[in-house]
């Protein structure tokens, strides 16, 4: 992997990437308001659960799907993964939020890397063959930047982790230093979560097991006051 491609990929992991991640807590705001998540230790437990029971065995498999199906042109199977994952997301706000982030990442990718192979993906979204959710677009960009699969999957999980912790910083009484400490503690868990999921088939084996988080995502739209869109 060239230095240019590595740095190009690193740009996509920046917390300031303008794809709307700062607008979505994906249920964390509900858990903070109802007292379930109050301390940095609680935030760490929440992130670890999401990594091992949702982000790695569901979302990261969409990243893997690009690497598995794009080389042989199995486009319909690739779009199927995106469709299946979309309906697996129980909460309406979450489904819409992940798609919004994906579409914004697509527009950003088109702007900064116009020479990448975008036509097939754009056509599939236009014809409603897929939704273009965030994991799929992340995988598409990483694959065409020639990022190794493990780095791409772990990079996606890192971005999810960082976005979640940043949401926690705005919702809880913790500072930037504590947030960075939590992020550092999650790095080996990110690697482990992907190791446990990397053998899974993107079509047949994806699973999620976060009932409390799913319920909090559904409850979020009815909160009396809120900072986040989802």
C-alpha atoms as a PDB file:
ATOM      1  CA  UNK A   1       0.000   0.000   0.000  1.00  0.00           C
ATOM      2  CA  UNK A   2       1.508   3.327  -1.065  1.00  0.00           C
ATOM      3  CA  UNK A   3       2.048   6.191   1.343  1.00  0.00           C
ATOM      4  CA  UNK A   4      -0.318   8.319  -0.728  1.00  0.00           C
ATOM      5  CA  UNK A   5      -3.118   5.756  -0.465  1.00  0.00           C
ATOM      6  CA  UNK A   6      -2.507   5.214   3.234  1.00  0.00           C
ATOM      7  CA  UNK A   7      -2.714   8.933   3.953  1.00  0.00           C
ATOM      8  CA  UNK A   8      -5.768   9.243   1.701  1.00  0.00           C
ATOM      9  CA  UNK A   9      -7.483   6.579   3.771  1.00  0.00           C
ATOM     10  CA  UNK A  10      -6.368   8.208   7.015  1.00  0.00           C
ATOM     11  CA  UNK A  11      -8.208  11.342   5.884  1.00  0.00           C
ATOM     12  CA  UNK A  12     -11.454   9.340   5.822  1.00  0.00           C
ATOM     13  CA  UNK A  13     -11.032   8.420   9.502  1.00  0.00           C
ATOM     14  CA  UNK A  14     -10.788  12.038  10.666  1.00  0.00           C
ATOM     15  CA  UNK A  15     -13.412  12.883  13.293  1.00  0.00           C
ATOM     16  CA  UNK A  16     -13.974  16.170  11.460  1.00  0.00           C
ATOM     17  CA  UNK A  17     -14.970  14.418   8.230  1.00  0.00           C
ATOM     18  CA  UNK A  18     -18.115  16.286   7.085  1.00  0.00           C
ATOM     19  CA  UNK A  19     -20.506  13.353   6.679  1.00  0.00           C
ATOM     20  CA  UNK A  20     -22.831  14.180   9.565  1.00  0.00           C
ATOM     21  CA  UNK A  21     -21.541  11.798  12.220  1.00  0.00           C
ATOM     22  CA  UNK A  22     -21.684  14.613  14.784  1.00  0.00           C
ATOM     23  CA  UNK A  23     -25.479  14.730  14.338  1.00  0.00           C
ATOM     24  CA  UNK A  24     -26.184  11.127  15.307  1.00  0.00           C
ATOM     25  CA  UNK A  25     -25.884   9.412  18.685  1.00  0.00           C
ATOM     26  CA  UNK A  26     -27.670   6.222  17.527  1.00  0.00           C
ATOM     27  CA  UNK A  27     -29.393   5.667  20.868  1.00  0.00           C
ATOM     28  CA  UNK A  28     -26.627   6.839  23.181  1.00  0.00           C
ATOM     29  CA  UNK A  29     -28.513  10.036  24.020  1.00  0.00           C
ATOM     30  CA  UNK A  30     -31.454   7.995  25.307  1.00  0.00           C
ATOM     31  CA  UNK A  31     -29.191   5.887  27.514  1.00  0.00           C
ATOM     32  CA  UNK A  32     -27.551   8.984  28.985  1.00  0.00           C
ATOM     33  CA  UNK A  33     -30.908  10.625  29.701  1.00  0.00           C
ATOM     34  CA  UNK A  34     -32.359   7.544  31.404  1.00  0.00           C
ATOM     35  CA  UNK A  35     -29.235   7.116  33.543  1.00  0.00           C
ATOM     36  CA  UNK A  36     -27.907   3.889  32.025  1.00  0.00           C
ATOM     37  CA  UNK A  37     -24.716   5.557  30.752  1.00  0.00           C
ATOM     38  CA  UNK A  38     -23.356   8.037  33.296  1.00  0.00           C
ATOM     39  CA  UNK A  39     -19.612   7.463  33.660  1.00  0.00           C
ATOM     40  CA  UNK A  40     -16.652   6.831  31.320  1.00  0.00           C
ATOM     41  CA  UNK A  41     -16.729   3.168  32.363  1.00  0.00           C
ATOM     42  CA  UNK A  42     -20.347   2.929  31.221  1.00  0.00           C
ATOM     43  CA  UNK A  43     -19.464   4.554  27.900  1.00  0.00           C
ATOM     44  CA  UNK A  44     -16.665   2.056  27.420  1.00  0.00           C
ATOM     45  CA  UNK A  45     -19.045  -0.847  28.105  1.00  0.00           C
ATOM     46  CA  UNK A  46     -21.534   0.550  25.607  1.00  0.00           C
ATOM     47  CA  UNK A  47     -18.928   0.988  22.867  1.00  0.00           C
ATOM     48  CA  UNK A  48     -17.494  -2.483  23.483  1.00  0.00           C
ATOM     49  CA  UNK A  49     -20.952  -4.023  23.217  1.00  0.00           C
ATOM     50  CA  UNK A  50     -21.690  -2.189  19.979  1.00  0.00           C
ATOM     51  CA  UNK A  51     -18.319  -3.201  18.531  1.00  0.00           C
ATOM     52  CA  UNK A  52     -18.630  -6.893  19.281  1.00  0.00           C
ATOM     53  CA  UNK A  53     -22.374  -7.351  18.835  1.00  0.00           C
ATOM     54  CA  UNK A  54     -23.293  -4.933  16.043  1.00  0.00           C
ATOM     55  CA  UNK A  55     -20.635  -2.889  14.255  1.00  0.00           C
ATOM     56  CA  UNK A  56     -18.245  -5.788  13.584  1.00  0.00           C
ATOM     57  CA  UNK A  57     -20.705  -8.648  12.837  1.00  0.00           C
ATOM     58  CA  UNK A  58     -23.019  -6.424  10.762  1.00  0.00           C
ATOM     59  CA  UNK A  59     -21.558  -3.165   9.436  1.00  0.00           C
ATOM     60  CA  UNK A  60     -17.972  -4.296   8.928  1.00  0.00           C
ATOM     61  CA  UNK A  61     -19.259  -7.193   6.826  1.00  0.00           C
ATOM     62  CA  UNK A  62     -20.501  -4.630   4.285  1.00  0.00           C
ATOM     63  CA  UNK A  63     -16.921  -3.390   4.058  1.00  0.00           C
ATOM     64  CA  UNK A  64     -15.786  -6.980   3.571  1.00  0.00           C
ATOM     65  CA  UNK A  65     -18.494  -7.553   0.956  1.00  0.00           C
ATOM     66  CA  UNK A  66     -16.925  -4.979  -1.362  1.00  0.00           C
ATOM     67  CA  UNK A  67     -13.621  -6.847  -1.210  1.00  0.00           C
ATOM     68  CA  UNK A  68     -15.321 -10.219  -1.735  1.00  0.00           C
ATOM     69  CA  UNK A  69     -17.774  -9.405  -4.522  1.00  0.00           C
ATOM     70  CA  UNK A  70     -16.356  -6.410  -6.414  1.00  0.00           C
ATOM     71  CA  UNK A  71     -13.307  -8.208  -7.921  1.00  0.00           C
ATOM     72  CA  UNK A  72     -15.542 -10.781  -9.632  1.00  0.00           C
ATOM     73  CA  UNK A  73     -18.285  -8.317 -10.522  1.00  0.00           C
ATOM     74  CA  UNK A  74     -20.940  -9.880  -8.268  1.00  0.00           C
ATOM     75  CA  UNK A  75     -22.739  -6.556  -7.996  1.00  0.00           C
ATOM     76  CA  UNK A  76     -26.216  -7.889  -7.234  1.00  0.00           C
ATOM     77  CA  UNK A  77     -24.852  -9.818  -4.250  1.00  0.00           C
ATOM     78  CA  UNK A  78     -23.052  -6.722  -3.031  1.00  0.00           C
ATOM     79  CA  UNK A  79     -26.215  -4.622  -3.259  1.00  0.00           C
ATOM     80  CA  UNK A  80     -28.092  -7.412  -1.463  1.00  0.00           C
ATOM     81  CA  UNK A  81     -25.782  -7.080   1.550  1.00  0.00           C
ATOM     82  CA  UNK A  82     -26.579  -3.366   1.797  1.00  0.00           C
ATOM     83  CA  UNK A  83     -30.319  -4.060   1.509  1.00  0.00           C
ATOM     84  CA  UNK A  84     -30.257  -6.802   4.151  1.00  0.00           C
ATOM     85  CA  UNK A  85     -28.338  -4.684   6.613  1.00  0.00           C
ATOM     86  CA  UNK A  86     -30.738  -1.796   6.086  1.00  0.00           C
ATOM     87  CA  UNK A  87     -33.759  -3.847   7.170  1.00  0.00           C
ATOM     88  CA  UNK A  88     -31.784  -5.319  10.086  1.00  0.00           C
ATOM     89  CA  UNK A  89     -31.578  -1.862  11.653  1.00  0.00           C
ATOM     90  CA  UNK A  90     -34.662  -1.840  13.840  1.00  0.00           C
ATOM     91  CA  UNK A  91     -35.033   1.887  14.528  1.00  0.00           C
ATOM     92  CA  UNK A  92     -36.238   4.217  11.778  1.00  0.00           C
ATOM     93  CA  UNK A  93     -33.907   7.032  12.875  1.00  0.00           C
ATOM     94  CA  UNK A  94     -30.924   4.697  12.735  1.00  0.00           C
ATOM     95  CA  UNK A  95     -31.758   3.395   9.268  1.00  0.00           C
ATOM     96  CA  UNK A  96     -32.112   6.932   7.970  1.00  0.00           C
ATOM     97  CA  UNK A  97     -29.014   8.173   9.794  1.00  0.00           C
ATOM     98  CA  UNK A  98     -26.711   5.478   8.415  1.00  0.00           C
ATOM     99  CA  UNK A  99     -27.982   6.135   4.883  1.00  0.00           C
ATOM    100  CA  UNK A 100     -27.564   9.906   5.271  1.00  0.00           C
ATOM    101  CA  UNK A 101     -23.956   9.428   6.384  1.00  0.00           C
ATOM    102  CA  UNK A 102     -23.344   7.079   3.464  1.00  0.00           C
ATOM    103  CA  UNK A 103     -24.758   9.495   0.904  1.00  0.00           C
ATOM    104  CA  UNK A 104     -22.670  12.330   2.343  1.00  0.00           C
ATOM    105  CA  UNK A 105     -19.551  10.177   2.211  1.00  0.00           C
ATOM    106  CA  UNK A 106     -20.386   9.325  -1.388  1.00  0.00           C
ATOM    107  CA  UNK A 107     -20.647  13.005  -2.315  1.00  0.00           C
ATOM    108  CA  UNK A 108     -17.397  13.727  -0.500  1.00  0.00           C
ATOM    109  CA  UNK A 109     -15.658  10.848  -2.270  1.00  0.00           C
ATOM    110  CA  UNK A 110     -16.917  12.041  -5.646  1.00  0.00           C
ATOM    111  CA  UNK A 111     -15.548  15.494  -4.895  1.00  0.00           C
ATOM    112  CA  UNK A 112     -12.065  14.542  -3.720  1.00  0.00           C
ATOM    113  CA  UNK A 113     -11.544  11.340  -5.738  1.00  0.00           C
ATOM    114  CA  UNK A 114     -13.523  11.869  -8.967  1.00  0.00           C
ATOM    115  CA  UNK A 115     -11.425   9.346 -10.914  1.00  0.00           C
ATOM    116  CA  UNK A 116     -12.405   6.352  -8.796  1.00  0.00           C
ATOM    117  CA  UNK A 117     -14.938   3.860 -10.143  1.00  0.00           C
ATOM    118  CA  UNK A 118     -18.208   5.468  -9.078  1.00  0.00           C
ATOM    119  CA  UNK A 119     -20.546   4.744 -11.996  1.00  0.00           C
ATOM    120  CA  UNK A 120     -21.806   1.311 -10.935  1.00  0.00           C
ATOM    121  CA  UNK A 121     -22.459   2.419  -7.372  1.00  0.00           C
ATOM    122  CA  UNK A 122     -24.265   5.595  -8.409  1.00  0.00           C
ATOM    123  CA  UNK A 123     -26.416   3.663 -10.852  1.00  0.00           C
ATOM    124  CA  UNK A 124     -27.332   1.068  -8.222  1.00  0.00           C
ATOM    125  CA  UNK A 125     -28.423   3.775  -5.774  1.00  0.00           C
ATOM    126  CA  UNK A 126     -30.344   5.643  -8.484  1.00  0.00           C
ATOM    127  CA  UNK A 127     -32.166   2.464  -9.500  1.00  0.00           C
ATOM    128  CA  UNK A 128     -32.803   1.615  -5.809  1.00  0.00           C
ATOM    129  CA  UNK A 129     -30.828  -1.612  -5.977  1.00  0.00           C
ATOM    130  CA  UNK A 130     -29.078  -0.534  -2.788  1.00  0.00           C
ATOM    131  CA  UNK A 131     -29.387   2.261  -0.241  1.00  0.00           C
ATOM    132  CA  UNK A 132     -25.762   3.389  -0.164  1.00  0.00           C
ATOM    133  CA  UNK A 133     -25.382   3.147   3.604  1.00  0.00           C
ATOM    134  CA  UNK A 134     -22.241   4.302   5.369  1.00  0.00           C
ATOM    135  CA  UNK A 135     -20.509   0.878   5.679  1.00  0.00           C
ATOM    136  CA  UNK A 136     -20.917   0.130   1.966  1.00  0.00           C
ATOM    137  CA  UNK A 137     -19.585   3.517   0.848  1.00  0.00           C
ATOM    138  CA  UNK A 138     -16.685   3.283   3.306  1.00  0.00           C
ATOM    139  CA  UNK A 139     -15.801  -0.136   1.924  1.00  0.00           C
ATOM    140  CA  UNK A 140     -16.120   1.097  -1.663  1.00  0.00           C
ATOM    141  CA  UNK A 141     -13.715   3.971  -1.054  1.00  0.00           C
ATOM    142  CA  UNK A 142     -11.234   1.837   0.884  1.00  0.00           C
ATOM    143  CA  UNK A 143     -11.245  -0.895  -1.775  1.00  0.00           C
ATOM    144  CA  UNK A 144     -10.607   1.527  -4.626  1.00  0.00           C
ATOM    145  CA  UNK A 145      -7.880   3.261  -2.624  1.00  0.00           C
ATOM    146  CA  UNK A 146      -6.253  -0.192  -2.398  1.00  0.00           C
ATOM    147  CA  UNK A 147      -6.481  -0.334   1.377  1.00  0.00           C
ATOM    148  CA  UNK A 148      -6.035  -3.898   2.739  1.00  0.00           C
ATOM    149  CA  UNK A 149      -9.282  -5.426   3.993  1.00  0.00           C
ATOM    150  CA  UNK A 150      -8.204  -5.746   7.630  1.00  0.00           C
ATOM    151  CA  UNK A 151      -7.168  -2.103   7.721  1.00  0.00           C
ATOM    152  CA  UNK A 152     -10.422  -1.052   6.054  1.00  0.00           C
ATOM    153  CA  UNK A 153     -12.614  -3.032   8.461  1.00  0.00           C
ATOM    154  CA  UNK A 154     -10.722  -1.926  11.546  1.00  0.00           C
ATOM    155  CA  UNK A 155     -10.687   1.633  10.192  1.00  0.00           C
ATOM    156  CA  UNK A 156     -14.466   1.596   9.888  1.00  0.00           C
ATOM    157  CA  UNK A 157     -14.803   0.285  13.446  1.00  0.00           C
ATOM    158  CA  UNK A 158     -12.393   2.948  14.657  1.00  0.00           C
ATOM    159  CA  UNK A 159     -14.499   5.657  13.001  1.00  0.00           C
ATOM    160  CA  UNK A 160     -17.663   4.295  14.668  1.00  0.00           C
ATOM    161  CA  UNK A 161     -15.915   4.175  18.033  1.00  0.00           C
ATOM    162  CA  UNK A 162     -14.551   7.692  17.739  1.00  0.00           C
ATOM    163  CA  UNK A 163     -17.927   9.089  16.650  1.00  0.00           C
ATOM    164  CA  UNK A 164     -19.645   7.428  19.603  1.00  0.00           C
ATOM    165  CA  UNK A 165     -17.096   8.717  22.109  1.00  0.00           C
ATOM    166  CA  UNK A 166     -17.374  12.239  20.688  1.00  0.00           C
ATOM    167  CA  UNK A 167     -21.139  12.013  21.194  1.00  0.00           C
ATOM    168  CA  UNK A 168     -20.489  10.970  24.778  1.00  0.00           C
ATOM    169  CA  UNK A 169     -18.294  14.020  25.314  1.00  0.00           C
ATOM    170  CA  UNK A 170     -21.216  16.270  24.445  1.00  0.00           C
ATOM    171  CA  UNK A 171     -23.766  14.323  26.471  1.00  0.00           C
ATOM    172  CA  UNK A 172     -21.789  13.517  29.636  1.00  0.00           C
ATOM    173  CA  UNK A 173     -19.598  15.286  32.169  1.00  0.00           C
ATOM    174  CA  UNK A 174     -16.303  13.958  30.825  1.00  0.00           C
ATOM    175  CA  UNK A 175     -13.419  15.818  29.246  1.00  0.00           C
ATOM    176  CA  UNK A 176     -11.339  15.383  26.128  1.00  0.00           C
ATOM    177  CA  UNK A 177      -8.517  13.631  27.988  1.00  0.00           C
ATOM    178  CA  UNK A 178     -10.894  11.049  29.437  1.00  0.00           C
ATOM    179  CA  UNK A 179     -12.411  10.561  26.013  1.00  0.00           C
ATOM    180  CA  UNK A 180      -9.001   9.896  24.499  1.00  0.00           C
ATOM    181  CA  UNK A 181      -8.262   7.431  27.288  1.00  0.00           C
ATOM    182  CA  UNK A 182     -11.448   5.511  26.484  1.00  0.00           C
ATOM    183  CA  UNK A 183     -10.542   5.547  22.783  1.00  0.00           C
ATOM    184  CA  UNK A 184      -7.070   4.165  23.513  1.00  0.00           C
ATOM    185  CA  UNK A 185      -8.568   1.399  25.648  1.00  0.00           C
ATOM    186  CA  UNK A 186     -10.888   0.444  22.784  1.00  0.00           C
ATOM    187  CA  UNK A 187      -8.134  -0.041  20.181  1.00  0.00           C
ATOM    188  CA  UNK A 188      -7.310  -3.667  21.089  1.00  0.00           C
ATOM    189  CA  UNK A 189     -11.045  -4.390  21.346  1.00  0.00           C
ATOM    190  CA  UNK A 190     -11.523  -3.068  17.803  1.00  0.00           C
ATOM    191  CA  UNK A 191      -8.888  -5.500  16.557  1.00  0.00           C
ATOM    192  CA  UNK A 192     -10.404  -8.381  18.508  1.00  0.00           C
ATOM    193  CA  UNK A 193     -13.926  -7.593  17.311  1.00  0.00           C
ATOM    194  CA  UNK A 194     -12.797  -7.783  13.696  1.00  0.00           C
ATOM    195  CA  UNK A 195     -10.822 -10.993  14.274  1.00  0.00           C
ATOM    196  CA  UNK A 196     -14.000 -12.571  15.612  1.00  0.00           C
ATOM    197  CA  UNK A 197     -16.054 -11.402  12.631  1.00  0.00           C
ATOM    198  CA  UNK A 198     -13.680 -11.561   9.670  1.00  0.00           C
ATOM    199  CA  UNK A 199     -14.543 -15.205   8.854  1.00  0.00           C
ATOM    200  CA  UNK A 200     -18.292 -14.481   8.605  1.00  0.00           C
ATOM    201  CA  UNK A 201     -20.046 -14.574   5.238  1.00  0.00           C
ATOM    202  CA  UNK A 202     -21.474 -11.100   4.451  1.00  0.00           C
ATOM    203  CA  UNK A 203     -24.727 -12.553   3.083  1.00  0.00           C
ATOM    204  CA  UNK A 204     -25.378 -15.508   5.376  1.00  0.00           C
ATOM    205  CA  UNK A 205     -23.730 -14.822   8.720  1.00  0.00           C
ATOM    206  CA  UNK A 206     -24.249 -11.201   9.766  1.00  0.00           C
ATOM    207  CA  UNK A 207     -25.927 -10.835  13.173  1.00  0.00           C
ATOM    208  CA  UNK A 208     -26.727  -8.273  15.825  1.00  0.00           C
ATOM    209  CA  UNK A 209     -27.363  -8.753  19.526  1.00  0.00           C
ATOM    210  CA  UNK A 210     -27.965  -5.341  21.106  1.00  0.00           C
ATOM    211  CA  UNK A 211     -31.611  -5.289  22.292  1.00  0.00           C
ATOM    212  CA  UNK A 212     -31.171  -2.480  24.828  1.00  0.00           C
ATOM    213  CA  UNK A 213     -29.397  -0.298  22.286  1.00  0.00           C
ATOM    214  CA  UNK A 214     -32.067  -1.043  19.679  1.00  0.00           C
ATOM    215  CA  UNK A 215     -34.825  -0.046  22.092  1.00  0.00           C
ATOM    216  CA  UNK A 216     -32.978   3.159  23.033  1.00  0.00           C
ATOM    217  CA  UNK A 217     -32.658   4.029  19.331  1.00  0.00           C
ATOM    218  CA  UNK A 218     -36.417   3.600  18.880  1.00  0.00           C
ATOM    219  CA  UNK A 219     -37.155   5.650  22.005  1.00  0.00           C
ATOM    220  CA  UNK A 220     -34.894   8.501  20.950  1.00  0.00           C
ATOM    221  CA  UNK A 221     -37.339  10.118  18.541  1.00  0.00           C
ATOM    222  CA  UNK A 222     -39.798  10.598  21.431  1.00  0.00           C
ATOM    223  CA  UNK A 223     -37.404  12.239  23.890  1.00  0.00           C
ATOM    224  CA  UNK A 224     -38.665  15.514  25.326  1.00  0.00           C
ATOM    225  CA  UNK A 225     -35.410  17.273  24.423  1.00  0.00           C
ATOM    226  CA  UNK A 226     -32.433  16.073  22.407  1.00  0.00           C
ATOM    227  CA  UNK A 227     -29.160  17.213  20.865  1.00  0.00           C
ATOM    228  CA  UNK A 228     -28.935  14.606  18.111  1.00  0.00           C
ATOM    229  CA  UNK A 229     -30.968  13.677  15.043  1.00  0.00           C
ATOM    230  CA  UNK A 230     -30.816  10.007  15.971  1.00  0.00           C
END
